[in-house]
Amino acid sequence: MRVITAMVGPVDTLAHANLDDLELPSNSYYQSIVQIIDRLRKHVDDKKQDSDVAARNITNDILSGRSGYIWRGNLSTMAWMLTTFLPGGLLTSMINQGRGLSEICYGRS
């Protein structure tokens, strides 16, 4: 038995094809950063890999006998490098920078 974990970056699928604009309830904990969340959603949309390419790459990995982690899709190489070579605290700080978390954690009364 082989176990494979596919670590996949953004792939162009129909999963979010009919996704409406982000609307949060007025009392949402994330209301203060709704623009940041929307910006990040649109940024990921621009980075999607074609689903046929992603599926072909993963299928080829499986058929060639690979096991363990498979990193596929756009931005996956960068994610692999960051998780492999950076200490966890620094990586977490980098990932969270500009995501609005400080506004949520420290900006509420």
PDB file of N, CA and C in Angstrom:
ATOM      1  N   MET A   1       0.842  -1.168   0.000  1.00  0.00           N
ATOM      2  CA  MET A   1       0.000   0.000   0.000  1.00  0.00           C
ATOM      3  C   MET A   1       0.893   1.238   0.000  1.00  0.00           C
ATOM      4  N   ARG A   2       0.578   2.194  -0.869  1.00  0.00           N
ATOM      5  CA  ARG A   2       1.267   3.483  -0.886  1.00  0.00           C
ATOM      6  C   ARG A   2       0.283   4.559  -0.447  1.00  0.00           C
ATOM      7  N   VAL A   3       0.797   5.516   0.274  1.00  0.00           N
ATOM      8  CA  VAL A   3      -0.023   6.653   0.683  1.00  0.00           C
ATOM      9  C   VAL A   3       0.545   7.890   0.005  1.00  0.00           C
ATOM     10  N   ILE A   4      -0.326   8.651  -0.618  1.00  0.00           N
ATOM     11  CA  ILE A   4       0.077   9.859  -1.318  1.00  0.00           C
ATOM     12  C   ILE A   4      -0.750  11.016  -0.783  1.00  0.00           C
ATOM     13  N   THR A   5      -0.077  12.100  -0.471  1.00  0.00           N
ATOM     14  CA  THR A   5      -0.757  13.329  -0.082  1.00  0.00           C
ATOM     15  C   THR A   5      -0.473  14.361  -1.161  1.00  0.00           C
ATOM     16  N   ALA A   6      -1.501  14.774  -1.877  1.00  0.00           N
ATOM     17  CA  ALA A   6      -1.341  15.772  -2.937  1.00  0.00           C
ATOM     18  C   ALA A   6      -1.504  17.160  -2.325  1.00  0.00           C
ATOM     19  N   MET A   7      -0.437  17.911  -2.334  1.00  0.00           N
ATOM     20  CA  MET A   7      -0.454  19.301  -1.867  1.00  0.00           C
ATOM     21  C   MET A   7      -0.640  20.161  -3.116  1.00  0.00           C
ATOM     22  N   VAL A   8      -1.866  20.584  -3.342  1.00  0.00           N
ATOM     23  CA  VAL A   8      -2.228  21.214  -4.604  1.00  0.00           C
ATOM     24  C   VAL A   8      -2.454  22.707  -4.416  1.00  0.00           C
ATOM     25  N   GLY A   9      -1.821  23.478  -5.278  1.00  0.00           N
ATOM     26  CA  GLY A   9      -2.055  24.921  -5.298  1.00  0.00           C
ATOM     27  C   GLY A   9      -3.381  25.208  -5.992  1.00  0.00           C
ATOM     28  N   PRO A  10      -3.657  26.471  -6.272  1.00  0.00           N
ATOM     29  CA  PRO A  10      -4.925  26.829  -6.918  1.00  0.00           C
ATOM     30  C   PRO A  10      -5.073  26.154  -8.283  1.00  0.00           C
ATOM     31  N   VAL A  11      -6.199  25.487  -8.483  1.00  0.00           N
ATOM     32  CA  VAL A  11      -6.499  24.807  -9.744  1.00  0.00           C
ATOM     33  C   VAL A  11      -7.852  25.308 -10.239  1.00  0.00           C
ATOM     34  N   ASP A  12      -7.949  25.517 -11.536  1.00  0.00           N
ATOM     35  CA  ASP A  12      -9.173  26.050 -12.144  1.00  0.00           C
ATOM     36  C   ASP A  12     -10.215  24.946 -12.270  1.00  0.00           C
ATOM     37  N   THR A  13     -11.107  24.862 -11.288  1.00  0.00           N
ATOM     38  CA  THR A  13     -12.193  23.882 -11.302  1.00  0.00           C
ATOM     39  C   THR A  13     -13.522  24.618 -11.245  1.00  0.00           C
ATOM     40  N   LEU A  14     -14.585  23.873 -11.330  1.00  0.00           N
ATOM     41  CA  LEU A  14     -15.920  24.473 -11.251  1.00  0.00           C
ATOM     42  C   LEU A  14     -16.385  24.678  -9.807  1.00  0.00           C
ATOM     43  N   ALA A  15     -15.545  24.316  -8.842  1.00  0.00           N
ATOM     44  CA  ALA A  15     -15.946  24.391  -7.438  1.00  0.00           C
ATOM     45  C   ALA A  15     -16.387  25.797  -7.038  1.00  0.00           C
ATOM     46  N   HIS A  16     -15.746  26.810  -7.577  1.00  0.00           N
ATOM     47  CA  HIS A  16     -16.087  28.188  -7.225  1.00  0.00           C
ATOM     48  C   HIS A  16     -16.565  28.990  -8.430  1.00  0.00           C
ATOM     49  N   ALA A  17     -17.021  28.307  -9.467  1.00  0.00           N
ATOM     50  CA  ALA A  17     -17.401  28.982 -10.712  1.00  0.00           C
ATOM     51  C   ALA A  17     -18.528  29.993 -10.513  1.00  0.00           C
ATOM     52  N   ASN A  18     -19.463  29.675  -9.665  1.00  0.00           N
ATOM     53  CA  ASN A  18     -20.606  30.569  -9.463  1.00  0.00           C
ATOM     54  C   ASN A  18     -20.540  31.269  -8.115  1.00  0.00           C
ATOM     55  N   LEU A  19     -19.348  31.504  -7.655  1.00  0.00           N
ATOM     56  CA  LEU A  19     -19.150  32.140  -6.362  1.00  0.00           C
ATOM     57  C   LEU A  19     -19.554  33.608  -6.434  1.00  0.00           C
ATOM     58  N   ASP A  20     -20.486  33.989  -5.585  1.00  0.00           N
ATOM     59  CA  ASP A  20     -20.938  35.382  -5.545  1.00  0.00           C
ATOM     60  C   ASP A  20     -19.906  36.257  -4.860  1.00  0.00           C
ATOM     61  N   ASP A  21     -20.087  37.575  -5.007  1.00  0.00           N
ATOM     62  CA  ASP A  21     -19.239  38.498  -4.265  1.00  0.00           C
ATOM     63  C   ASP A  21     -19.398  38.212  -2.779  1.00  0.00           C
ATOM     64  N   LEU A  22     -18.336  38.428  -2.061  1.00  0.00           N
ATOM     65  CA  LEU A  22     -18.329  38.143  -0.634  1.00  0.00           C
ATOM     66  C   LEU A  22     -19.226  39.118   0.112  1.00  0.00           C
ATOM     67  N   GLU A  23     -20.192  38.591   0.813  1.00  0.00           N
ATOM     68  CA  GLU A  23     -21.055  39.399   1.670  1.00  0.00           C
ATOM     69  C   GLU A  23     -21.081  38.754   3.044  1.00  0.00           C
ATOM     70  N   LEU A  24     -20.723  39.518   4.041  1.00  0.00           N
ATOM     71  CA  LEU A  24     -20.717  39.018   5.412  1.00  0.00           C
ATOM     72  C   LEU A  24     -21.835  39.676   6.203  1.00  0.00           C
ATOM     73  N   PRO A  25     -22.370  38.996   7.191  1.00  0.00           N
ATOM     74  CA  PRO A  25     -23.364  39.633   8.063  1.00  0.00           C
ATOM     75  C   PRO A  25     -22.741  40.861   8.736  1.00  0.00           C
ATOM     76  N   SER A  26     -23.549  41.840   9.030  1.00  0.00           N
ATOM     77  CA  SER A  26     -23.035  43.083   9.609  1.00  0.00           C
ATOM     78  C   SER A  26     -22.336  42.861  10.944  1.00  0.00           C
ATOM     79  N   ASN A  27     -22.674  41.805  11.655  1.00  0.00           N
ATOM     80  CA  ASN A  27     -22.046  41.538  12.945  1.00  0.00           C
ATOM     81  C   ASN A  27     -20.905  40.512  12.841  1.00  0.00           C
ATOM     82  N   SER A  28     -20.482  40.219  11.616  1.00  0.00           N
ATOM     83  CA  SER A  28     -19.415  39.239  11.422  1.00  0.00           C
ATOM     84  C   SER A  28     -18.113  39.715  12.063  1.00  0.00           C
ATOM     85  N   TYR A  29     -17.421  38.779  12.652  1.00  0.00           N
ATOM     86  CA  TYR A  29     -16.111  39.039  13.260  1.00  0.00           C
ATOM     87  C   TYR A  29     -15.120  39.526  12.205  1.00  0.00           C
ATOM     88  N   TYR A  30     -15.340  39.187  10.950  1.00  0.00           N
ATOM     89  CA  TYR A  30     -14.413  39.514   9.862  1.00  0.00           C
ATOM     90  C   TYR A  30     -14.837  40.736   9.048  1.00  0.00           C
ATOM     91  N   GLN A  31     -15.904  41.415   9.463  1.00  0.00           N
ATOM     92  CA  GLN A  31     -16.417  42.553   8.710  1.00  0.00           C
ATOM     93  C   GLN A  31     -15.354  43.634   8.489  1.00  0.00           C
ATOM     94  N   SER A  32     -14.489  43.830   9.464  1.00  0.00           N
ATOM     95  CA  SER A  32     -13.483  44.903   9.344  1.00  0.00           C
ATOM     96  C   SER A  32     -12.427  44.598   8.286  1.00  0.00           C
ATOM     97  N   ILE A  33     -12.329  43.352   7.851  1.00  0.00           N
ATOM     98  CA  ILE A  33     -11.318  43.005   6.839  1.00  0.00           C
ATOM     99  C   ILE A  33     -11.935  42.405   5.588  1.00  0.00           C
ATOM    100  N   VAL A  34     -13.195  42.663   5.333  1.00  0.00           N
ATOM    101  CA  VAL A  34     -13.868  42.073   4.184  1.00  0.00           C
ATOM    102  C   VAL A  34     -13.161  42.436   2.876  1.00  0.00           C
ATOM    103  N   GLN A  35     -12.614  43.642   2.754  1.00  0.00           N
ATOM    104  CA  GLN A  35     -11.912  44.042   1.531  1.00  0.00           C
ATOM    105  C   GLN A  35     -10.619  43.236   1.352  1.00  0.00           C
ATOM    106  N   ILE A  36      -9.936  42.949   2.449  1.00  0.00           N
ATOM    107  CA  ILE A  36      -8.702  42.159   2.379  1.00  0.00           C
ATOM    108  C   ILE A  36      -9.027  40.737   1.929  1.00  0.00           C
ATOM    109  N   ILE A  37     -10.070  40.151   2.491  1.00  0.00           N
ATOM    110  CA  ILE A  37     -10.465  38.795   2.125  1.00  0.00           C
ATOM    111  C   ILE A  37     -10.833  38.745   0.638  1.00  0.00           C
ATOM    112  N   ASP A  38     -11.594  39.723   0.183  1.00  0.00           N
ATOM    113  CA  ASP A  38     -12.005  39.769  -1.217  1.00  0.00           C
ATOM    114  C   ASP A  38     -10.790  39.901  -2.140  1.00  0.00           C
ATOM    115  N   ARG A  39      -9.838  40.741  -1.750  1.00  0.00           N
ATOM    116  CA  ARG A  39      -8.618  40.930  -2.550  1.00  0.00           C
ATOM    117  C   ARG A  39      -7.838  39.617  -2.654  1.00  0.00           C
ATOM    118  N   LEU A  40      -7.728  38.888  -1.550  1.00  0.00           N
ATOM    119  CA  LEU A  40      -7.001  37.617  -1.557  1.00  0.00           C
ATOM    120  C   LEU A  40      -7.711  36.578  -2.407  1.00  0.00           C
ATOM    121  N   ARG A  41      -9.037  36.559  -2.363  1.00  0.00           N
ATOM    122  CA  ARG A  41      -9.799  35.629  -3.206  1.00  0.00           C
ATOM    123  C   ARG A  41      -9.532  35.899  -4.676  1.00  0.00           C
ATOM    124  N   LYS A  42      -9.511  37.158  -5.061  1.00  0.00           N
ATOM    125  CA  LYS A  42      -9.277  37.513  -6.461  1.00  0.00           C
ATOM    126  C   LYS A  42      -7.838  37.214  -6.863  1.00  0.00           C
ATOM    127  N   HIS A  43      -6.899  37.398  -5.939  1.00  0.00           N
ATOM    128  CA  HIS A  43      -5.485  37.111  -6.223  1.00  0.00           C
ATOM    129  C   HIS A  43      -5.307  35.626  -6.525  1.00  0.00           C
ATOM    130  N   VAL A  44      -5.929  34.766  -5.756  1.00  0.00           N
ATOM    131  CA  VAL A  44      -5.827  33.323  -5.985  1.00  0.00           C
ATOM    132  C   VAL A  44      -6.482  32.958  -7.314  1.00  0.00           C
ATOM    133  N   ASP A  45      -7.590  33.606  -7.659  1.00  0.00           N
ATOM    134  CA  ASP A  45      -8.251  33.322  -8.927  1.00  0.00           C
ATOM    135  C   ASP A  45      -7.317  33.548 -10.110  1.00  0.00           C
ATOM    136  N   ASP A  46      -6.437  34.533 -10.006  1.00  0.00           N
ATOM    137  CA  ASP A  46      -5.501  34.838 -11.090  1.00  0.00           C
ATOM    138  C   ASP A  46      -4.380  33.812 -11.197  1.00  0.00           C
ATOM    139  N   LYS A  47      -4.187  32.970 -10.195  1.00  0.00           N
ATOM    140  CA  LYS A  47      -3.058  32.043 -10.146  1.00  0.00           C
ATOM    141  C   LYS A  47      -3.446  30.592 -10.410  1.00  0.00           C
ATOM    142  N   LYS A  48      -4.658  30.344 -10.836  1.00  0.00           N
ATOM    143  CA  LYS A  48      -5.123  28.969 -10.995  1.00  0.00           C
ATOM    144  C   LYS A  48      -4.430  28.265 -12.155  1.00  0.00           C
ATOM    145  N   GLN A  49      -4.110  26.981 -11.936  1.00  0.00           N
ATOM    146  CA  GLN A  49      -3.563  26.140 -12.984  1.00  0.00           C
ATOM    147  C   GLN A  49      -4.716  25.419 -13.680  1.00  0.00           C
ATOM    148  N   ASP A  50      -4.568  25.154 -14.963  1.00  0.00           N
ATOM    149  CA  ASP A  50      -5.574  24.416 -15.711  1.00  0.00           C
ATOM    150  C   ASP A  50      -5.803  23.063 -15.045  1.00  0.00           C
ATOM    151  N   SER A  51      -7.056  22.679 -14.877  1.00  0.00           N
ATOM    152  CA  SER A  51      -7.375  21.445 -14.163  1.00  0.00           C
ATOM    153  C   SER A  51      -6.866  20.203 -14.890  1.00  0.00           C
ATOM    154  N   ASP A  52      -6.855  20.219 -16.220  1.00  0.00           N
ATOM    155  CA  ASP A  52      -6.333  19.072 -16.967  1.00  0.00           C
ATOM    156  C   ASP A  52      -4.832  18.896 -16.733  1.00  0.00           C
ATOM    157  N   VAL A  53      -4.112  19.989 -16.678  1.00  0.00           N
ATOM    158  CA  VAL A  53      -2.668  19.928 -16.424  1.00  0.00           C
ATOM    159  C   VAL A  53      -2.410  19.390 -15.025  1.00  0.00           C
ATOM    160  N   ALA A  54      -3.122  19.914 -14.034  1.00  0.00           N
ATOM    161  CA  ALA A  54      -2.942  19.444 -12.658  1.00  0.00           C
ATOM    162  C   ALA A  54      -3.276  17.958 -12.540  1.00  0.00           C
ATOM    163  N   ALA A  55      -4.377  17.524 -13.132  1.00  0.00           N
ATOM    164  CA  ALA A  55      -4.783  16.113 -13.062  1.00  0.00           C
ATOM    165  C   ALA A  55      -3.757  15.219 -13.755  1.00  0.00           C
ATOM    166  N   ARG A  56      -3.267  15.647 -14.913  1.00  0.00           N
ATOM    167  CA  ARG A  56      -2.272  14.860 -15.636  1.00  0.00           C
ATOM    168  C   ARG A  56      -0.985  14.717 -14.826  1.00  0.00           C
ATOM    169  N   ASN A  57      -0.536  15.808 -14.201  1.00  0.00           N
ATOM    170  CA  ASN A  57       0.685  15.758 -13.395  1.00  0.00           C
ATOM    171  C   ASN A  57       0.535  14.816 -12.199  1.00  0.00           C
ATOM    172  N   ILE A  58      -0.583  14.906 -11.500  1.00  0.00           N
ATOM    173  CA  ILE A  58      -0.808  14.045 -10.333  1.00  0.00           C
ATOM    174  C   ILE A  58      -0.933  12.586 -10.770  1.00  0.00           C
ATOM    175  N   THR A  59      -1.657  12.345 -11.868  1.00  0.00           N
ATOM    176  CA  THR A  59      -1.794  10.975 -12.385  1.00  0.00           C
ATOM    177  C   THR A  59      -0.429  10.399 -12.756  1.00  0.00           C
ATOM    178  N   ASN A  60       0.386  11.185 -13.430  1.00  0.00           N
ATOM    179  CA  ASN A  60       1.728  10.716 -13.796  1.00  0.00           C
ATOM    180  C   ASN A  60       2.568  10.421 -12.558  1.00  0.00           C
ATOM    181  N   ASP A  61       2.437  11.247 -11.530  1.00  0.00           N
ATOM    182  CA  ASP A  61       3.165  10.992 -10.279  1.00  0.00           C
ATOM    183  C   ASP A  61       2.760   9.647  -9.679  1.00  0.00           C
ATOM    184  N   ILE A  62       1.468   9.390  -9.636  1.00  0.00           N
ATOM    185  CA  ILE A  62       0.954   8.152  -9.050  1.00  0.00           C
ATOM    186  C   ILE A  62       1.408   6.947  -9.867  1.00  0.00           C
ATOM    187  N   LEU A  63       1.245   7.028 -11.186  1.00  0.00           N
ATOM    188  CA  LEU A  63       1.597   5.903 -12.048  1.00  0.00           C
ATOM    189  C   LEU A  63       3.101   5.631 -12.084  1.00  0.00           C
ATOM    190  N   SER A  64       3.907   6.659 -11.803  1.00  0.00           N
ATOM    191  CA  SER A  64       5.360   6.461 -11.797  1.00  0.00           C
ATOM    192  C   SER A  64       5.847   5.876 -10.468  1.00  0.00           C
ATOM    193  N   GLY A  65       4.933   5.686  -9.511  1.00  0.00           N
ATOM    194  CA  GLY A  65       5.301   5.038  -8.257  1.00  0.00           C
ATOM    195  C   GLY A  65       5.647   5.975  -7.113  1.00  0.00           C
ATOM    196  N   ARG A  66       5.438   7.257  -7.305  1.00  0.00           N
ATOM    197  CA  ARG A  66       5.738   8.186  -6.214  1.00  0.00           C
ATOM    198  C   ARG A  66       4.834   7.930  -5.022  1.00  0.00           C
ATOM    199  N   SER A  67       5.351   8.250  -3.863  1.00  0.00           N
ATOM    200  CA  SER A  67       4.547   8.161  -2.646  1.00  0.00           C
ATOM    201  C   SER A  67       4.945   9.317  -1.747  1.00  0.00           C
ATOM    202  N   GLY A  68       4.243   9.453  -0.661  1.00  0.00           N
ATOM    203  CA  GLY A  68       4.501  10.585   0.234  1.00  0.00           C
ATOM    204  C   GLY A  68       3.784  11.821  -0.281  1.00  0.00           C
ATOM    205  N   TYR A  69       4.451  12.948  -0.158  1.00  0.00           N
ATOM    206  CA  TYR A  69       3.856  14.217  -0.585  1.00  0.00           C
ATOM    207  C   TYR A  69       4.145  14.483  -2.056  1.00  0.00           C
ATOM    208  N   ILE A  70       3.119  14.935  -2.769  1.00  0.00           N
ATOM    209  CA  ILE A  70       3.251  15.393  -4.148  1.00  0.00           C
ATOM    210  C   ILE A  70       2.815  16.852  -4.159  1.00  0.00           C
ATOM    211  N   TRP A  71       3.675  17.722  -4.596  1.00  0.00           N
ATOM    212  CA  TRP A  71       3.376  19.152  -4.657  1.00  0.00           C
ATOM    213  C   TRP A  71       3.073  19.502  -6.103  1.00  0.00           C
ATOM    214  N   ARG A  72       1.838  19.881  -6.382  1.00  0.00           N
ATOM    215  CA  ARG A  72       1.412  20.208  -7.751  1.00  0.00           C
ATOM    216  C   ARG A  72       0.519  21.438  -7.752  1.00  0.00           C
ATOM    217  N   GLY A  73       0.462  22.085  -8.914  1.00  0.00           N
ATOM    218  CA  GLY A  73      -0.368  23.274  -9.080  1.00  0.00           C
ATOM    219  C   GLY A  73       0.463  24.534  -8.923  1.00  0.00           C
ATOM    220  N   ASN A  74      -0.089  25.631  -9.381  1.00  0.00           N
ATOM    221  CA  ASN A  74       0.613  26.912  -9.273  1.00  0.00           C
ATOM    222  C   ASN A  74       0.885  27.246  -7.812  1.00  0.00           C
ATOM    223  N   LEU A  75       2.007  27.830  -7.562  1.00  0.00           N
ATOM    224  CA  LEU A  75       2.469  28.276  -6.243  1.00  0.00           C
ATOM    225  C   LEU A  75       2.872  27.119  -5.331  1.00  0.00           C
ATOM    226  N   SER A  76       2.720  25.863  -5.768  1.00  0.00           N
ATOM    227  CA  SER A  76       3.040  24.750  -4.871  1.00  0.00           C
ATOM    228  C   SER A  76       4.537  24.628  -4.613  1.00  0.00           C
ATOM    229  N   THR A  77       5.375  24.950  -5.598  1.00  0.00           N
ATOM    230  CA  THR A  77       6.823  24.895  -5.378  1.00  0.00           C
ATOM    231  C   THR A  77       7.234  25.919  -4.331  1.00  0.00           C
ATOM    232  N   MET A  78       6.661  27.109  -4.407  1.00  0.00           N
ATOM    233  CA  MET A  78       6.967  28.131  -3.410  1.00  0.00           C
ATOM    234  C   MET A  78       6.506  27.678  -2.025  1.00  0.00           C
ATOM    235  N   ALA A  79       5.318  27.089  -1.953  1.00  0.00           N
ATOM    236  CA  ALA A  79       4.811  26.597  -0.669  1.00  0.00           C
ATOM    237  C   ALA A  79       5.726  25.510  -0.110  1.00  0.00           C
ATOM    238  N   TRP A  80       6.205  24.607  -0.975  1.00  0.00           N
ATOM    239  CA  TRP A  80       7.122  23.558  -0.531  1.00  0.00           C
ATOM    240  C   TRP A  80       8.409  24.164   0.019  1.00  0.00           C
ATOM    241  N   MET A  81       8.972  25.123  -0.701  1.00  0.00           N
ATOM    242  CA  MET A  81      10.224  25.745  -0.255  1.00  0.00           C
ATOM    243  C   MET A  81      10.038  26.443   1.094  1.00  0.00           C
ATOM    244  N   LEU A  82       8.955  27.166   1.239  1.00  0.00           N
ATOM    245  CA  LEU A  82       8.717  27.890   2.485  1.00  0.00           C
ATOM    246  C   LEU A  82       8.516  26.939   3.656  1.00  0.00           C
ATOM    247  N   THR A  83       7.735  25.880   3.459  1.00  0.00           N
ATOM    248  CA  THR A  83       7.486  24.953   4.564  1.00  0.00           C
ATOM    249  C   THR A  83       8.694  24.082   4.870  1.00  0.00           C
ATOM    250  N   THR A  84       9.566  23.892   3.906  1.00  0.00           N
ATOM    251  CA  THR A  84      10.746  23.057   4.100  1.00  0.00           C
ATOM    252  C   THR A  84      11.894  23.817   4.757  1.00  0.00           C
ATOM    253  N   PHE A  85      12.104  25.076   4.364  1.00  0.00           N
ATOM    254  CA  PHE A  85      13.316  25.774   4.757  1.00  0.00           C
ATOM    255  C   PHE A  85      13.141  26.892   5.775  1.00  0.00           C
ATOM    256  N   LEU A  86      11.919  27.290   6.073  1.00  0.00           N
ATOM    257  CA  LEU A  86      11.715  28.373   7.043  1.00  0.00           C
ATOM    258  C   LEU A  86      11.213  27.816   8.369  1.00  0.00           C
ATOM    259  N   PRO A  87      11.682  28.396   9.472  1.00  0.00           N
ATOM    260  CA  PRO A  87      11.121  27.998  10.768  1.00  0.00           C
ATOM    261  C   PRO A  87       9.624  28.313  10.804  1.00  0.00           C
ATOM    262  N   GLY A  88       8.866  27.486  11.514  1.00  0.00           N
ATOM    263  CA  GLY A  88       7.407  27.618  11.555  1.00  0.00           C
ATOM    264  C   GLY A  88       6.904  28.988  11.953  1.00  0.00           C
ATOM    265  N   GLY A  89       7.510  29.596  12.976  1.00  0.00           N
ATOM    266  CA  GLY A  89       7.052  30.905  13.431  1.00  0.00           C
ATOM    267  C   GLY A  89       7.244  31.977  12.377  1.00  0.00           C
ATOM    268  N   LEU A  90       8.380  31.949  11.685  1.00  0.00           N
ATOM    269  CA  LEU A  90       8.649  32.923  10.628  1.00  0.00           C
ATOM    270  C   LEU A  90       7.695  32.711   9.463  1.00  0.00           C
ATOM    271  N   LEU A  91       7.474  31.448   9.110  1.00  0.00           N
ATOM    272  CA  LEU A  91       6.551  31.136   8.023  1.00  0.00           C
ATOM    273  C   LEU A  91       5.144  31.620   8.350  1.00  0.00           C
ATOM    274  N   THR A  92       4.691  31.351   9.553  1.00  0.00           N
ATOM    275  CA  THR A  92       3.360  31.793   9.970  1.00  0.00           C
ATOM    276  C   THR A  92       3.257  33.309   9.892  1.00  0.00           C
ATOM    277  N   SER A  93       4.286  33.991  10.348  1.00  0.00           N
ATOM    278  CA  SER A  93       4.299  35.446  10.296  1.00  0.00           C
ATOM    279  C   SER A  93       4.225  35.948   8.857  1.00  0.00           C
ATOM    280  N   MET A  94       4.984  35.331   7.964  1.00  0.00           N
ATOM    281  CA  MET A  94       4.976  35.738   6.561  1.00  0.00           C
ATOM    282  C   MET A  94       3.612  35.487   5.914  1.00  0.00           C
ATOM    283  N   ILE A  95       3.040  34.333   6.191  1.00  0.00           N
ATOM    284  CA  ILE A  95       1.749  33.985   5.598  1.00  0.00           C
ATOM    285  C   ILE A  95       0.660  34.926   6.083  1.00  0.00           C
ATOM    286  N   ASN A  96       0.702  35.276   7.348  1.00  0.00           N
ATOM    287  CA  ASN A  96      -0.355  36.096   7.930  1.00  0.00           C
ATOM    288  C   ASN A  96      -0.200  37.583   7.653  1.00  0.00           C
ATOM    289  N   GLN A  97       0.980  38.007   7.207  1.00  0.00           N
ATOM    290  CA  GLN A  97       1.212  39.431   6.952  1.00  0.00           C
ATOM    291  C   GLN A  97       0.282  39.935   5.847  1.00  0.00           C
ATOM    292  N   GLY A  98      -0.397  41.032   6.114  1.00  0.00           N
ATOM    293  CA  GLY A  98      -1.293  41.630   5.141  1.00  0.00           C
ATOM    294  C   GLY A  98      -2.626  40.919   4.983  1.00  0.00           C
ATOM    295  N   ARG A  99      -2.918  39.989   5.867  1.00  0.00           N
ATOM    296  CA  ARG A  99      -4.160  39.223   5.767  1.00  0.00           C
ATOM    297  C   ARG A  99      -5.265  39.781   6.662  1.00  0.00           C
ATOM    298  N   GLY A 100      -4.957  40.823   7.426  1.00  0.00           N
ATOM    299  CA  GLY A 100      -5.974  41.440   8.265  1.00  0.00           C
ATOM    300  C   GLY A 100      -6.111  40.832   9.638  1.00  0.00           C
ATOM    301  N   LEU A 101      -5.266  39.872   9.972  1.00  0.00           N
ATOM    302  CA  LEU A 101      -5.407  39.215  11.272  1.00  0.00           C
ATOM    303  C   LEU A 101      -5.105  40.159  12.426  1.00  0.00           C
ATOM    304  N   SER A 102      -4.168  41.077  12.237  1.00  0.00           N
ATOM    305  CA  SER A 102      -3.877  42.013  13.322  1.00  0.00           C
ATOM    306  C   SER A 102      -5.072  42.923  13.584  1.00  0.00           C
ATOM    307  N   GLU A 103      -5.821  43.260  12.529  1.00  0.00           N
ATOM    308  CA  GLU A 103      -7.018  44.078  12.712  1.00  0.00           C
ATOM    309  C   GLU A 103      -8.070  43.321  13.511  1.00  0.00           C
ATOM    310  N   ILE A 104      -8.175  42.029  13.271  1.00  0.00           N
ATOM    311  CA  ILE A 104      -9.146  41.225  14.013  1.00  0.00           C
ATOM    312  C   ILE A 104      -8.691  41.028  15.447  1.00  0.00           C
ATOM    313  N   CYS A 105      -7.418  40.675  15.620  1.00  0.00           N
ATOM    314  CA  CYS A 105      -6.913  40.336  16.945  1.00  0.00           C
ATOM    315  C   CYS A 105      -6.776  41.560  17.851  1.00  0.00           C
ATOM    316  N   TYR A 106      -6.348  42.663  17.268  1.00  0.00           N
ATOM    317  CA  TYR A 106      -6.022  43.819  18.098  1.00  0.00           C
ATOM    318  C   TYR A 106      -6.922  45.017  17.868  1.00  0.00           C
ATOM    319  N   GLY A 107      -7.712  45.008  16.784  1.00  0.00           N
ATOM    320  CA  GLY A 107      -8.487  46.178  16.435  1.00  0.00           C
ATOM    321  C   GLY A 107      -9.886  46.215  17.027  1.00  0.00           C
ATOM    322  N   ARG A 108     -10.298  45.168  17.717  1.00  0.00           N
ATOM    323  CA  ARG A 108     -11.644  45.126  18.279  1.00  0.00           C
ATOM    324  C   ARG A 108     -11.631  45.540  19.730  1.00  0.00           C
ATOM    325  N   SER A 109     -12.695  46.134  20.133  1.00  0.00           N
ATOM    326  CA  SER A 109     -12.823  46.541  21.540  1.00  0.00           C
ATOM    327  C   SER A 109     -13.498  45.464  22.340  1.00  0.00           C
TER     328      SER A 109
END
